[in-house]
C-alpha atoms as a PDB file:
ATOM      1  CA  MET A   1    -154.644 339.217  30.752  1.00  0.00           C
ATOM      2  CA  ARG A   2    -151.118 340.997  32.289  1.00  0.00           C
ATOM      3  CA  ALA A   3    -147.864 339.811  33.894  1.00  0.00           C
ATOM      4  CA  LEU A   4    -146.851 340.397  37.454  1.00  0.00           C
ATOM      5  CA  ILE A   5    -143.746 341.032  38.065  1.00  0.00           C
ATOM      6  CA  VAL A   6    -142.322 340.819  41.654  1.00  0.00           C
ATOM      7  CA  THR A   7    -139.271 343.029  42.959  1.00  0.00           C
ATOM      8  CA  ALA A   8    -137.838 342.674  46.819  1.00  0.00           C
ATOM      9  CA  VAL A   9    -137.083 346.239  47.088  1.00  0.00           C
ATOM     10  CA  ALA A  10    -138.880 349.546  46.305  1.00  0.00           C
ATOM     11  CA  ALA A  11    -135.502 350.385  44.512  1.00  0.00           C
ATOM     12  CA  GLU A  12    -135.828 347.074  42.119  1.00  0.00           C
ATOM     13  CA  ALA A  13    -139.255 348.260  41.884  1.00  0.00           C
ATOM     14  CA  ASP A  14    -138.583 351.480  40.542  1.00  0.00           C
ATOM     15  CA  SER A  15    -135.824 350.236  37.964  1.00  0.00           C
ATOM     16  CA  VAL A  16    -138.539 348.057  36.368  1.00  0.00           C
ATOM     17  CA  VAL A  17    -141.596 350.577  36.053  1.00  0.00           C
ATOM     18  CA  ALA A  18    -138.901 353.170  34.158  1.00  0.00           C
ATOM     19  CA  GLY A  19    -137.804 350.252  31.943  1.00  0.00           C
ATOM     20  CA  LEU A  20    -141.452 349.519  30.978  1.00  0.00           C
ATOM     21  CA  SER A  21    -141.907 353.461  31.101  1.00  0.00           C
ATOM     22  CA  GLY A  22    -139.665 354.783  27.856  1.00  0.00           C
ATOM     23  CA  PRO A  23    -137.877 356.097  26.139  1.00  0.00           C
ATOM     24  CA  THR A  24    -139.712 354.725  24.004  1.00  0.00           C
ATOM     25  CA  PRO A  25    -142.716 353.369  25.318  1.00  0.00           C
ATOM     26  CA  HIS A  26    -144.673 349.941  25.068  1.00  0.00           C
ATOM     27  CA  PRO A  27    -148.146 349.739  23.855  1.00  0.00           C
ATOM     28  CA  ASP A  28    -150.524 349.471  26.697  1.00  0.00           C
ATOM     29  CA  ASP A  29    -147.659 350.614  28.851  1.00  0.00           C
ATOM     30  CA  THR A  30    -150.488 353.375  30.436  1.00  0.00           C
ATOM     31  CA  PRO A  31    -149.775 354.260  33.830  1.00  0.00           C
ATOM     32  CA  GLY A  32    -152.610 353.731  36.741  1.00  0.00           C
ATOM     33  CA  PRO A  33    -153.778 356.669  39.047  1.00  0.00           C
ATOM     34  CA  GLY A  34    -150.153 355.615  41.151  1.00  0.00           C
ATOM     35  CA  PRO A  35    -148.502 353.079  43.361  1.00  0.00           C
ATOM     36  CA  ARG A  36    -151.404 351.191  45.265  1.00  0.00           C
ATOM     37  CA  THR A  37    -151.097 349.474  48.898  1.00  0.00           C
ATOM     38  CA  LEU A  38    -152.399 346.020  49.467  1.00  0.00           C
ATOM     39  CA  PRO A  39    -153.276 344.294  52.427  1.00  0.00           C
ATOM     40  CA  GLY A  40    -150.009 343.002  53.970  1.00  0.00           C
ATOM     41  CA  GLY A  41    -148.273 346.562  53.329  1.00  0.00           C
ATOM     42  CA  TYR A  42    -147.609 345.361  49.769  1.00  0.00           C
ATOM     43  CA  LEU A  43    -146.310 348.287  47.246  1.00  0.00           C
ATOM     44  CA  ILE A  44    -148.048 347.831  43.785  1.00  0.00           C
ATOM     45  CA  HIS A  45    -147.535 349.835  40.387  1.00  0.00           C
ATOM     46  CA  HIS A  46    -149.545 349.733  37.336  1.00  0.00           C
ATOM     47  CA  ARG A  47    -148.280 350.048  34.004  1.00  0.00           C
ATOM     48  CA  GLY A  48    -150.608 348.681  31.356  1.00  0.00           C
ATOM     49  CA  ALA A  49    -150.167 345.441  31.240  1.00  0.00           C
ATOM     50  CA  PHE A  50    -148.252 345.068  34.015  1.00  0.00           C
ATOM     51  CA  ASP A  51    -147.894 344.741  37.439  1.00  0.00           C
ATOM     52  CA  VAL A  52    -145.198 345.560  39.055  1.00  0.00           C
ATOM     53  CA  LEU A  53    -145.076 344.501  42.997  1.00  0.00           C
ATOM     54  CA  VAL A  54    -142.661 345.262  45.730  1.00  0.00           C
ATOM     55  CA  ALA A  55    -143.147 341.620  47.983  1.00  0.00           C
ATOM     56  CA  GLY A  56    -139.879 341.816  50.769  1.00  0.00           C
ATOM     57  CA  VAL A  57    -136.389 340.298  50.733  1.00  0.00           C
ATOM     58  CA  GLY A  58    -136.134 335.981  50.548  1.00  0.00           C
ATOM     59  CA  PRO A  59    -138.426 333.535  49.360  1.00  0.00           C
ATOM     60  CA  ALA A  60    -140.919 333.595  52.028  1.00  0.00           C
ATOM     61  CA  ALA A  61    -141.177 337.414  51.922  1.00  0.00           C
ATOM     62  CA  ALA A  62    -141.836 336.905  48.006  1.00  0.00           C
ATOM     63  CA  ALA A  63    -144.156 333.850  48.213  1.00  0.00           C
ATOM     64  CA  ALA A  64    -146.554 335.466  50.785  1.00  0.00           C
ATOM     65  CA  GLY A  65    -146.512 338.571  48.287  1.00  0.00           C
ATOM     66  CA  THR A  66    -146.367 336.731  45.691  1.00  0.00           C
ATOM     67  CA  ALA A  67    -149.743 335.080  46.486  1.00  0.00           C
ATOM     68  CA  THR A  68    -151.384 338.157  47.867  1.00  0.00           C
ATOM     69  CA  ALA A  69    -151.388 339.504  44.955  1.00  0.00           C
ATOM     70  CA  LEU A  70    -152.359 336.857  42.721  1.00  0.00           C
ATOM     71  CA  ALA A  71    -155.509 335.812  45.106  1.00  0.00           C
ATOM     72  CA  LEU A  72    -156.848 339.902  44.979  1.00  0.00           C
ATOM     73  CA  ALA A  73    -156.553 340.421  40.847  1.00  0.00           C
ATOM     74  CA  THR A  74    -159.619 341.956  40.274  1.00  0.00           C
ATOM     75  CA  SER A  75    -159.041 342.140  36.005  1.00  0.00           C
ATOM     76  CA  PRO A  76    -161.269 339.542  34.880  1.00  0.00           C
ATOM     77  CA  ASP A  77    -158.575 337.941  32.680  1.00  0.00           C
ATOM     78  CA  GLY A  78    -156.373 338.017  35.668  1.00  0.00           C
ATOM     79  CA  TYR A  79    -152.672 336.968  35.202  1.00  0.00           C
ATOM     80  CA  GLY A  80    -151.208 335.004  32.784  1.00  0.00           C
ATOM     81  CA  LEU A  81    -147.662 335.137  33.653  1.00  0.00           C
ATOM     82  CA  VAL A  82    -145.616 336.218  36.881  1.00  0.00           C
ATOM     83  CA  VAL A  83    -142.170 337.748  37.047  1.00  0.00           C
ATOM     84  CA  SER A  84    -139.508 337.864  39.488  1.00  0.00           C
ATOM     85  CA  ALA A  85    -137.037 340.411  38.644  1.00  0.00           C
ATOM     86  CA  GLY A  86    -134.313 342.208  40.783  1.00  0.00           C
ATOM     87  CA  ILE A  87    -130.959 342.838  40.867  1.00  0.00           C
ATOM     88  CA  GLY A  88    -128.276 339.529  42.224  1.00  0.00           C
ATOM     89  CA  GLY A  89    -124.812 337.866  42.297  1.00  0.00           C
ATOM     90  CA  GLY A  90    -123.018 336.709  39.607  1.00  0.00           C
ATOM     91  CA  PHE A  91    -120.612 333.455  39.296  1.00  0.00           C
ATOM     92  CA  ALA A  92    -117.939 334.756  37.394  1.00  0.00           C
ATOM     93  CA  PRO A  93    -117.215 334.500  34.373  1.00  0.00           C
ATOM     94  CA  ALA A  94    -120.476 333.828  32.716  1.00  0.00           C
ATOM     95  CA  ALA A  95    -122.217 336.887  34.624  1.00  0.00           C
ATOM     96  CA  PRO A  96    -119.943 340.203  35.326  1.00  0.00           C
ATOM     97  CA  LEU A  97    -121.320 342.514  37.043  1.00  0.00           C
ATOM     98  CA  GLY A  98    -123.921 344.770  35.519  1.00  0.00           C
ATOM     99  CA  SER A  99    -125.201 342.357  33.032  1.00  0.00           C
ATOM    100  CA  LEU A 100    -127.890 340.309  33.214  1.00  0.00           C
ATOM    101  CA  VAL A 101    -129.232 336.658  33.817  1.00  0.00           C
ATOM    102  CA  VAL A 102    -132.676 334.878  32.435  1.00  0.00           C
ATOM    103  CA  ALA A 103    -133.306 331.388  34.431  1.00  0.00           C
ATOM    104  CA  ASP A 104    -133.939 328.213  32.691  1.00  0.00           C
ATOM    105  CA  ALA A 105    -134.394 327.058  35.727  1.00  0.00           C
ATOM    106  CA  ILE A 106    -135.050 328.639  39.343  1.00  0.00           C
ATOM    107  CA  VAL A 107    -132.967 326.401  41.689  1.00  0.00           C
ATOM    108  CA  ALA A 108    -134.502 326.218  45.512  1.00  0.00           C
ATOM    109  CA  ALA A 109    -130.635 325.609  46.378  1.00  0.00           C
ATOM    110  CA  ASP A 110    -130.406 325.167  50.182  1.00  0.00           C
ATOM    111  CA  LEU A 111    -133.735 324.113  51.146  1.00  0.00           C
ATOM    112  CA  GLY A 112    -132.901 320.878  52.224  1.00  0.00           C
ATOM    113  CA  ALA A 113    -130.989 319.076  55.204  1.00  0.00           C
ATOM    114  CA  GLU A 114    -127.374 318.840  55.643  1.00  0.00           C
ATOM    115  CA  THR A 115    -126.120 315.169  55.709  1.00  0.00           C
ATOM    116  CA  PRO A 116    -123.063 313.235  56.330  1.00  0.00           C
ATOM    117  CA  GLN A 117    -122.621 312.368  53.130  1.00  0.00           C
ATOM    118  CA  GLY A 118    -123.313 316.280  51.716  1.00  0.00           C
ATOM    119  CA  PHE A 119    -126.542 318.512  51.153  1.00  0.00           C
ATOM    120  CA  LEU A 120    -129.809 316.413  49.995  1.00  0.00           C
ATOM    121  CA  PRO A 121    -132.013 318.959  47.931  1.00  0.00           C
ATOM    122  CA  VAL A 122    -135.955 318.917  49.686  1.00  0.00           C
ATOM    123  CA  ALA A 123    -136.920 317.104  46.645  1.00  0.00           C
ATOM    124  CA  GLU A 124    -134.681 314.239  47.639  1.00  0.00           C
ATOM    125  CA  LEU A 125    -135.502 314.408  51.086  1.00  0.00           C
ATOM    126  CA  GLY A 126    -139.903 313.654  49.687  1.00  0.00           C
ATOM    127  CA  PHE A 127    -141.005 317.161  50.198  1.00  0.00           C
ATOM    128  CA  GLY A 128    -141.608 319.497  47.468  1.00  0.00           C
ATOM    129  CA  ARG A 129    -140.029 320.306  44.503  1.00  0.00           C
ATOM    130  CA  SER A 130    -136.106 321.900  44.406  1.00  0.00           C
ATOM    131  CA  VAL A 131    -136.711 323.506  41.137  1.00  0.00           C
ATOM    132  CA  HIS A 132    -139.145 325.182  38.877  1.00  0.00           C
ATOM    133  CA  LEU A 133    -138.766 324.903  35.291  1.00  0.00           C
ATOM    134  CA  PRO A 134    -140.058 328.539  33.221  1.00  0.00           C
ATOM    135  CA  PRO A 135    -140.910 328.037  29.654  1.00  0.00           C
ATOM    136  CA  ALA A 136    -138.187 327.350  27.414  1.00  0.00           C
ATOM    137  CA  GLU A 137    -139.690 329.214  24.500  1.00  0.00           C
ATOM    138  CA  LEU A 138    -140.261 331.806  26.518  1.00  0.00           C
ATOM    139  CA  ALA A 139    -136.886 332.274  28.663  1.00  0.00           C
ATOM    140  CA  ALA A 140    -135.070 331.457  25.299  1.00  0.00           C
ATOM    141  CA  ARG A 141    -136.905 334.779  23.733  1.00  0.00           C
ATOM    142  CA  ALA A 142    -136.310 336.770  26.654  1.00  0.00           C
ATOM    143  CA  ALA A 143    -132.292 336.050  26.567  1.00  0.00           C
ATOM    144  CA  GLU A 144    -132.196 336.827  23.317  1.00  0.00           C
ATOM    145  CA  ALA A 145    -134.230 340.333  23.422  1.00  0.00           C
ATOM    146  CA  THR A 146    -131.998 341.476  25.886  1.00  0.00           C
ATOM    147  CA  GLY A 147    -128.247 339.794  25.387  1.00  0.00           C
ATOM    148  CA  ALA A 148    -128.770 337.980  28.574  1.00  0.00           C
ATOM    149  CA  LEU A 149    -127.147 334.981  29.928  1.00  0.00           C
ATOM    150  CA  LEU A 150    -129.932 332.206  29.772  1.00  0.00           C
ATOM    151  CA  ALA A 151    -128.624 329.904  32.659  1.00  0.00           C
ATOM    152  CA  PRO A 152    -129.969 328.632  36.226  1.00  0.00           C
ATOM    153  CA  VAL A 153    -130.720 330.939  39.022  1.00  0.00           C
ATOM    154  CA  LEU A 154    -130.360 329.646  42.300  1.00  0.00           C
ATOM    155  CA  THR A 155    -132.251 331.133  45.414  1.00  0.00           C
ATOM    156  CA  VAL A 156    -130.577 331.360  48.390  1.00  0.00           C
ATOM    157  CA  SER A 157    -131.775 332.226  51.959  1.00  0.00           C
ATOM    158  CA  THR A 158    -128.714 333.509  52.826  1.00  0.00           C
ATOM    159  CA  VAL A 159    -126.548 335.381  50.165  1.00  0.00           C
ATOM    160  CA  THR A 160    -122.890 333.743  49.732  1.00  0.00           C
ATOM    161  CA  GLY A 161    -120.376 335.783  51.617  1.00  0.00           C
ATOM    162  CA  THR A 162    -117.026 333.660  51.091  1.00  0.00           C
ATOM    163  CA  ALA A 163    -115.358 331.783  48.715  1.00  0.00           C
ATOM    164  CA  ALA A 164    -115.884 328.435  50.084  1.00  0.00           C
ATOM    165  CA  ARG A 165    -119.731 328.799  49.794  1.00  0.00           C
ATOM    166  CA  ALA A 166    -119.162 329.917  46.160  1.00  0.00           C
ATOM    167  CA  ALA A 167    -117.400 326.816  45.718  1.00  0.00           C
ATOM    168  CA  ALA A 168    -119.430 324.694  47.450  1.00  0.00           C
ATOM    169  CA  LEU A 169    -122.347 325.911  45.226  1.00  0.00           C
ATOM    170  CA  ALA A 170    -120.467 326.366  41.656  1.00  0.00           C
ATOM    171  CA  ALA A 171    -119.680 322.689  42.503  1.00  0.00           C
ATOM    172  CA  ALA A 172    -123.238 321.630  42.831  1.00  0.00           C
ATOM    173  CA  HIS A 173    -124.774 323.394  40.134  1.00  0.00           C
ATOM    174  CA  PRO A 174    -121.848 324.442  37.339  1.00  0.00           C
ATOM    175  CA  LEU A 175    -124.102 325.652  35.448  1.00  0.00           C
ATOM    176  CA  ALA A 176    -125.945 328.383  37.421  1.00  0.00           C
ATOM    177  CA  GLY A 177    -125.223 332.218  36.127  1.00  0.00           C
ATOM    178  CA  ALA A 178    -126.932 334.058  39.656  1.00  0.00           C
ATOM    179  CA  GLU A 179    -127.962 333.957  42.665  1.00  0.00           C
ATOM    180  CA  ALA A 180    -130.501 335.525  44.116  1.00  0.00           C
ATOM    181  CA  MET A 181    -133.102 335.336  47.482  1.00  0.00           C
ATOM    182  CA  GLU A 182    -136.929 335.217  46.051  1.00  0.00           C
ATOM    183  CA  GLY A 183    -136.744 333.650  42.593  1.00  0.00           C
ATOM    184  CA  PHE A 184    -137.795 329.990  44.167  1.00  0.00           C
ATOM    185  CA  GLY A 185    -140.568 331.987  46.432  1.00  0.00           C
ATOM    186  CA  VAL A 186    -141.841 333.701  43.037  1.00  0.00           C
ATOM    187  CA  ALA A 187    -142.142 330.698  41.554  1.00  0.00           C
ATOM    188  CA  GLU A 188    -143.886 328.389  44.326  1.00  0.00           C
ATOM    189  CA  ALA A 189    -147.086 331.060  44.523  1.00  0.00           C
ATOM    190  CA  ALA A 190    -147.143 330.933  40.611  1.00  0.00           C
ATOM    191  CA  ALA A 191    -147.499 327.290  40.345  1.00  0.00           C
ATOM    192  CA  ALA A 192    -149.859 327.311  43.213  1.00  0.00           C
ATOM    193  CA  HIS A 193    -152.307 329.367  40.965  1.00  0.00           C
ATOM    194  CA  GLY A 194    -150.918 327.068  38.068  1.00  0.00           C
ATOM    195  CA  LEU A 195    -149.077 330.099  36.260  1.00  0.00           C
ATOM    196  CA  PRO A 196    -146.269 330.163  34.412  1.00  0.00           C
ATOM    197  CA  VAL A 197    -142.881 331.980  35.770  1.00  0.00           C
ATOM    198  CA  LEU A 198    -139.521 334.032  34.732  1.00  0.00           C
ATOM    199  CA  GLU A 199    -136.458 335.012  36.674  1.00  0.00           C
ATOM    200  CA  VAL A 200    -134.633 338.027  35.547  1.00  0.00           C
ATOM    201  CA  ARG A 201    -131.733 339.460  37.151  1.00  0.00           C
ATOM    202  CA  ALA A 202    -128.896 342.509  36.874  1.00  0.00           C
ATOM    203  CA  VAL A 203    -125.764 341.303  38.406  1.00  0.00           C
ATOM    204  CA  SER A 204    -124.505 344.133  41.171  1.00  0.00           C
ATOM    205  CA  ASN A 205    -121.763 341.342  42.872  1.00  0.00           C
ATOM    206  CA  ALA A 206    -119.832 338.697  41.963  1.00  0.00           C
ATOM    207  CA  VAL A 207    -120.721 335.361  44.308  1.00  0.00           C
ATOM    208  CA  GLY A 208    -118.050 335.134  46.591  1.00  0.00           C
ATOM    209  CA  PRO A 209    -116.608 336.925  49.568  1.00  0.00           C
ATOM    210  CA  ARG A 210    -118.569 339.774  50.811  1.00  0.00           C
ATOM    211  CA  ASP A 211    -116.851 342.976  49.297  1.00  0.00           C
ATOM    212  CA  ARG A 212    -119.448 345.554  49.800  1.00  0.00           C
ATOM    213  CA  ALA A 213    -116.061 348.353  47.863  1.00  0.00           C
ATOM    214  CA  ALA A 214    -116.915 345.945  44.331  1.00  0.00           C
ATOM    215  CA  TRP A 215    -120.707 346.433  44.510  1.00  0.00           C
ATOM    216  CA  ARG A 216    -122.324 347.728  41.814  1.00  0.00           C
ATOM    217  CA  ILE A 217    -125.918 348.372  42.455  1.00  0.00           C
ATOM    218  CA  GLY A 218    -126.393 351.338  40.190  1.00  0.00           C
ATOM    219  CA  ASP A 219    -124.908 349.615  37.321  1.00  0.00           C
ATOM    220  CA  ALA A 220    -127.270 346.979  38.107  1.00  0.00           C
ATOM    221  CA  LEU A 221    -130.239 348.638  38.593  1.00  0.00           C
ATOM    222  CA  ALA A 222    -129.735 350.656  35.225  1.00  0.00           C
ATOM    223  CA  ALA A 223    -129.101 347.119  33.293  1.00  0.00           C
ATOM    224  CA  LEU A 224    -132.309 345.645  34.822  1.00  0.00           C
ATOM    225  CA  ALA A 225    -134.580 348.879  33.581  1.00  0.00           C
ATOM    226  CA  GLU A 226    -133.076 348.375  29.973  1.00  0.00           C
ATOM    227  CA  GLY A 227    -133.734 345.011  30.236  1.00  0.00           C
ATOM    228  CA  PHE A 228    -137.006 345.806  30.938  1.00  0.00           C
ATOM    229  CA  ARG A 229    -137.154 347.988  27.889  1.00  0.00           C
ATOM    230  CA  ALA A 230    -136.275 345.301  25.890  1.00  0.00           C
ATOM    231  CA  LEU A 231    -138.343 342.521  27.587  1.00  0.00           C
ATOM    232  CA  GLY A 232    -141.566 344.758  28.014  1.00  0.00           C
ATOM    233  CA  PRO A 233    -143.063 344.070  24.208  1.00  0.00           C
ATOM    234  CA  VAL A 234    -141.683 340.170  24.444  1.00  0.00           C
ATOM    235  CA  LEU A 235    -144.223 339.558  27.485  1.00  0.00           C
ATOM    236  CA  LEU A 236    -146.706 341.887  25.820  1.00  0.00           C
ATOM    237  CA  THR A 237    -146.508 339.424  23.371  1.00  0.00           C
ATOM    238  CA  THR A 238    -146.864 336.705  25.651  1.00  0.00           C
ATOM    239  CA  THR A 239    -149.816 338.004  28.134  1.00  0.00           C
ATOM    240  CA  SER A 240    -151.330 338.665  24.507  1.00  0.00           C
ATOM    241  CA  GLY A 241    -151.354 335.224  23.535  1.00  0.00           C
ATOM    242  CA  GLY A 242    -149.051 335.335  20.811  1.00  0.00           C
ATOM    243  CA  GLY A 243    -146.746 333.651  22.424  1.00  0.00           C
ATOM    244  CA  PRO A 244    -145.614 331.049  25.199  1.00  0.00           C
ATOM    245  CA  ALA A 245    -147.972 331.283  28.498  1.00  0.00           C
END
């Protein structure tokens, strides 16, 4: 079986593909004929056991793109795993710039309702779920292989840009390692197809006041590539049936 790796933008996909491609190639990383475009305009790269999708920014786009790729899978074995991957904000000091975070929980941090008593997650309102849990053993192996922090990753529709919002998120989710915009959407699509999900984030900025001069996007993309260089064998073992699925 293959793994579908879902990114938001082309630069993230390029970093993942670069990591999976070398400098020491993984078994079965043979490139396909080149990126192709799925219905809906989603670009997908093929590297042997891995397909790397560019699904768009935000949870809705991520869910739509992931669901499209899963529905159109043509391999007799199909996909055995879905991975949300890209850059994101890190909660200091646990996740510094250039570090990696592997999710042990994928949390919809702003899906719900504001009340006089505070925020209520959608699950507490009785509508669906607010958290997806990656397979614990797989997440732990991924974190160990990449040297990543193993912690919850928050999915937000609006990136944090103030100290007050950062403090509120940290108070509500004291163990959180990172925030990004796509993980929960990817996880919802994977769950609809009965597939396990993993999320990997490289930290480009601190969660807090918006300061573009302090962002390290290039460093984060390089860390993402290095992370997938180390993660490739773990994913291959998983999708080949040698590990948790």
